């Protein structure tokens, strides 16, 4: 059914295999973000001392398009520095997934918006720790 709806094989696999769905105990950042469509992401990041993302997981309330988009996002950011993650775009997610149905192109936008908010939160927390 997902394939007939326009989901790529890779997008379906990310959704069905629930890649990186879950939580991280003692995460450095936990951010909840709800998009205009009502879909919600809880993003968990574990960042090392060199500002490199060591682990990324998520929970979601939404459609398969959201799940596959955030799943791919977490795969793309693992091992990258915070600065490198700032360069990742919704187009990178769509390209890595091999496409999404046109009606689901807001899903990678929500994934990127959530990541950007999580990075801002991490950087804010980091500067607070330095000044304390």
C-alpha atoms as a PDB file:
ATOM      1  CA  UNK A   1       0.000   0.000   0.000  1.00  0.00           C
ATOM      2  CA  UNK A   2       2.828   2.445   0.840  1.00  0.00           C
ATOM      3  CA  UNK A   3       4.543   1.720  -2.469  1.00  0.00           C
ATOM      4  CA  UNK A   4       1.322   2.434  -4.365  1.00  0.00           C
ATOM      5  CA  UNK A   5       1.067   5.725  -2.464  1.00  0.00           C
ATOM      6  CA  UNK A   6       4.454   6.818  -3.843  1.00  0.00           C
ATOM      7  CA  UNK A   7       6.862   5.873  -1.060  1.00  0.00           C
ATOM      8  CA  UNK A   8      10.266   4.630  -2.210  1.00  0.00           C
ATOM      9  CA  UNK A   9      11.520   1.219  -1.136  1.00  0.00           C
ATOM     10  CA  UNK A  10      14.097   2.873   1.136  1.00  0.00           C
ATOM     11  CA  UNK A  11      11.454   5.084   2.784  1.00  0.00           C
ATOM     12  CA  UNK A  12       9.273   2.032   3.410  1.00  0.00           C
ATOM     13  CA  UNK A  13      12.210   0.127   4.917  1.00  0.00           C
ATOM     14  CA  UNK A  14      13.066   3.017   7.285  1.00  0.00           C
ATOM     15  CA  UNK A  15       9.431   3.117   8.384  1.00  0.00           C
ATOM     16  CA  UNK A  16       8.837  -0.628   8.729  1.00  0.00           C
ATOM     17  CA  UNK A  17      12.170  -1.392  10.415  1.00  0.00           C
ATOM     18  CA  UNK A  18      11.640   1.481  12.899  1.00  0.00           C
ATOM     19  CA  UNK A  19      15.265   2.546  12.455  1.00  0.00           C
ATOM     20  CA  UNK A  20      16.386   4.701  15.411  1.00  0.00           C
ATOM     21  CA  UNK A  21      12.913   4.811  16.957  1.00  0.00           C
ATOM     22  CA  UNK A  22      13.332   4.941  20.728  1.00  0.00           C
ATOM     23  CA  UNK A  23      14.821   7.040  23.488  1.00  0.00           C
ATOM     24  CA  UNK A  24      18.331   7.689  24.800  1.00  0.00           C
ATOM     25  CA  UNK A  25      18.887   7.524  28.532  1.00  0.00           C
ATOM     26  CA  UNK A  26      20.829  10.569  29.742  1.00  0.00           C
ATOM     27  CA  UNK A  27      20.505  12.309  26.363  1.00  0.00           C
ATOM     28  CA  UNK A  28      22.270  15.658  26.068  1.00  0.00           C
ATOM     29  CA  UNK A  29      19.268  17.078  24.235  1.00  0.00           C
ATOM     30  CA  UNK A  30      15.614  16.083  24.208  1.00  0.00           C
ATOM     31  CA  UNK A  31      13.367  18.256  22.106  1.00  0.00           C
ATOM     32  CA  UNK A  32       9.659  17.927  21.316  1.00  0.00           C
ATOM     33  CA  UNK A  33       8.329  19.756  18.288  1.00  0.00           C
ATOM     34  CA  UNK A  34       4.899  19.730  16.664  1.00  0.00           C
ATOM     35  CA  UNK A  35       4.449  20.783  13.062  1.00  0.00           C
ATOM     36  CA  UNK A  36       1.548  22.692  11.523  1.00  0.00           C
ATOM     37  CA  UNK A  37      -0.041  19.384  10.465  1.00  0.00           C
ATOM     38  CA  UNK A  38      -0.171  18.198  14.084  1.00  0.00           C
ATOM     39  CA  UNK A  39       2.573  15.575  13.720  1.00  0.00           C
ATOM     40  CA  UNK A  40       4.999  15.561  16.665  1.00  0.00           C
ATOM     41  CA  UNK A  41       8.633  14.500  17.011  1.00  0.00           C
ATOM     42  CA  UNK A  42      10.611  13.909  20.209  1.00  0.00           C
ATOM     43  CA  UNK A  43      14.282  14.006  19.198  1.00  0.00           C
ATOM     44  CA  UNK A  44      16.996  12.615  21.496  1.00  0.00           C
ATOM     45  CA  UNK A  45      20.668  13.422  20.905  1.00  0.00           C
ATOM     46  CA  UNK A  46      23.796  12.186  22.649  1.00  0.00           C
ATOM     47  CA  UNK A  47      26.735  14.496  21.933  1.00  0.00           C
ATOM     48  CA  UNK A  48      30.369  13.839  22.876  1.00  0.00           C
ATOM     49  CA  UNK A  49      32.945  16.306  24.198  1.00  0.00           C
ATOM     50  CA  UNK A  50      34.007  17.146  20.618  1.00  0.00           C
ATOM     51  CA  UNK A  51      30.430  18.179  19.722  1.00  0.00           C
ATOM     52  CA  UNK A  52      29.981  15.062  17.610  1.00  0.00           C
ATOM     53  CA  UNK A  53      26.599  13.340  17.647  1.00  0.00           C
ATOM     54  CA  UNK A  54      27.224   9.847  18.951  1.00  0.00           C
ATOM     55  CA  UNK A  55      23.604   8.702  19.004  1.00  0.00           C
ATOM     56  CA  UNK A  56      20.260   9.979  17.777  1.00  0.00           C
ATOM     57  CA  UNK A  57      16.827   8.487  18.355  1.00  0.00           C
ATOM     58  CA  UNK A  58      13.264   9.686  18.131  1.00  0.00           C
ATOM     59  CA  UNK A  59       9.672   9.053  19.019  1.00  0.00           C
ATOM     60  CA  UNK A  60       6.866  10.333  16.832  1.00  0.00           C
ATOM     61  CA  UNK A  61       3.167  10.753  16.499  1.00  0.00           C
ATOM     62  CA  UNK A  62       2.399  10.950  12.818  1.00  0.00           C
ATOM     63  CA  UNK A  63       2.390   9.315   9.429  1.00  0.00           C
ATOM     64  CA  UNK A  64       4.834   6.931   7.705  1.00  0.00           C
ATOM     65  CA  UNK A  65       6.298   9.929   5.844  1.00  0.00           C
ATOM     66  CA  UNK A  66       7.296  11.519   9.124  1.00  0.00           C
ATOM     67  CA  UNK A  67       8.709   8.293  10.536  1.00  0.00           C
ATOM     68  CA  UNK A  68      10.838   7.576   7.463  1.00  0.00           C
ATOM     69  CA  UNK A  69      12.025  11.216   7.264  1.00  0.00           C
ATOM     70  CA  UNK A  70      13.137  11.402  10.903  1.00  0.00           C
ATOM     71  CA  UNK A  71      14.620   7.926  10.686  1.00  0.00           C
ATOM     72  CA  UNK A  72      16.764   9.034   7.742  1.00  0.00           C
ATOM     73  CA  UNK A  73      17.652  12.269   9.516  1.00  0.00           C
ATOM     74  CA  UNK A  74      18.979  10.361  12.537  1.00  0.00           C
ATOM     75  CA  UNK A  75      21.011   8.148  10.220  1.00  0.00           C
ATOM     76  CA  UNK A  76      22.470  11.200   8.462  1.00  0.00           C
ATOM     77  CA  UNK A  77      23.499  13.043  11.642  1.00  0.00           C
ATOM     78  CA  UNK A  78      25.119  10.191  13.587  1.00  0.00           C
ATOM     79  CA  UNK A  79      28.868  10.693  13.668  1.00  0.00           C
ATOM     80  CA  UNK A  80      28.694  14.278  12.426  1.00  0.00           C
ATOM     81  CA  UNK A  81      29.622  17.362  14.418  1.00  0.00           C
ATOM     82  CA  UNK A  82      26.957  19.841  15.444  1.00  0.00           C
ATOM     83  CA  UNK A  83      28.333  22.243  12.811  1.00  0.00           C
ATOM     84  CA  UNK A  84      28.138  19.567  10.086  1.00  0.00           C
ATOM     85  CA  UNK A  85      24.521  18.791  10.955  1.00  0.00           C
ATOM     86  CA  UNK A  86      23.595  22.415  10.290  1.00  0.00           C
ATOM     87  CA  UNK A  87      24.310  21.768   6.607  1.00  0.00           C
ATOM     88  CA  UNK A  88      21.786  18.920   6.279  1.00  0.00           C
ATOM     89  CA  UNK A  89      18.626  19.902   4.440  1.00  0.00           C
ATOM     90  CA  UNK A  90      15.210  18.470   3.718  1.00  0.00           C
ATOM     91  CA  UNK A  91      16.483  17.800   0.182  1.00  0.00           C
ATOM     92  CA  UNK A  92      19.236  15.573   1.636  1.00  0.00           C
ATOM     93  CA  UNK A  93      16.598  13.531   3.460  1.00  0.00           C
ATOM     94  CA  UNK A  94      14.390  13.225   0.372  1.00  0.00           C
ATOM     95  CA  UNK A  95      17.373  12.284  -1.785  1.00  0.00           C
ATOM     96  CA  UNK A  96      18.611   9.639   0.681  1.00  0.00           C
ATOM     97  CA  UNK A  97      15.111   8.173   0.930  1.00  0.00           C
ATOM     98  CA  UNK A  98      14.777   8.037  -2.843  1.00  0.00           C
ATOM     99  CA  UNK A  99      11.734  10.288  -2.719  1.00  0.00           C
ATOM    100  CA  UNK A 100       8.450  10.682  -0.888  1.00  0.00           C
ATOM    101  CA  UNK A 101       4.891  11.241  -2.100  1.00  0.00           C
ATOM    102  CA  UNK A 102       4.291  14.920  -2.931  1.00  0.00           C
ATOM    103  CA  UNK A 103       1.712  15.119  -0.150  1.00  0.00           C
ATOM    104  CA  UNK A 104       4.415  14.146   2.385  1.00  0.00           C
ATOM    105  CA  UNK A 105       7.108  16.682   1.481  1.00  0.00           C
ATOM    106  CA  UNK A 106       6.286  18.621   4.651  1.00  0.00           C
ATOM    107  CA  UNK A 107       7.636  15.682   6.700  1.00  0.00           C
ATOM    108  CA  UNK A 108      11.354  16.238   5.984  1.00  0.00           C
ATOM    109  CA  UNK A 109      10.772  19.970   6.594  1.00  0.00           C
ATOM    110  CA  UNK A 110       9.421  19.134  10.066  1.00  0.00           C
ATOM    111  CA  UNK A 111      12.383  16.811  10.688  1.00  0.00           C
ATOM    112  CA  UNK A 112      14.873  19.567   9.799  1.00  0.00           C
ATOM    113  CA  UNK A 113      12.997  22.176  11.863  1.00  0.00           C
ATOM    114  CA  UNK A 114      13.124  19.824  14.850  1.00  0.00           C
ATOM    115  CA  UNK A 115      16.851  19.237  14.375  1.00  0.00           C
ATOM    116  CA  UNK A 116      17.512  22.977  14.147  1.00  0.00           C
ATOM    117  CA  UNK A 117      15.598  23.588  17.384  1.00  0.00           C
ATOM    118  CA  UNK A 118      17.482  20.738  19.086  1.00  0.00           C
ATOM    119  CA  UNK A 119      20.832  22.173  17.977  1.00  0.00           C
ATOM    120  CA  UNK A 120      19.849  25.625  19.255  1.00  0.00           C
ATOM    121  CA  UNK A 121      18.832  24.088  22.582  1.00  0.00           C
ATOM    122  CA  UNK A 122      22.124  22.153  22.797  1.00  0.00           C
ATOM    123  CA  UNK A 123      24.183  25.246  22.002  1.00  0.00           C
ATOM    124  CA  UNK A 124      22.201  27.296  24.533  1.00  0.00           C
ATOM    125  CA  UNK A 125      22.724  24.664  27.224  1.00  0.00           C
ATOM    126  CA  UNK A 126      26.424  24.442  26.360  1.00  0.00           C
ATOM    127  CA  UNK A 127      26.931  28.201  26.723  1.00  0.00           C
ATOM    128  CA  UNK A 128      25.023  28.138  30.034  1.00  0.00           C
ATOM    129  CA  UNK A 129      27.362  25.411  31.322  1.00  0.00           C
ATOM    130  CA  UNK A 130      30.424  27.468  30.312  1.00  0.00           C
ATOM    131  CA  UNK A 131      29.201  30.584  32.123  1.00  0.00           C
ATOM    132  CA  UNK A 132      28.279  28.699  35.303  1.00  0.00           C
END
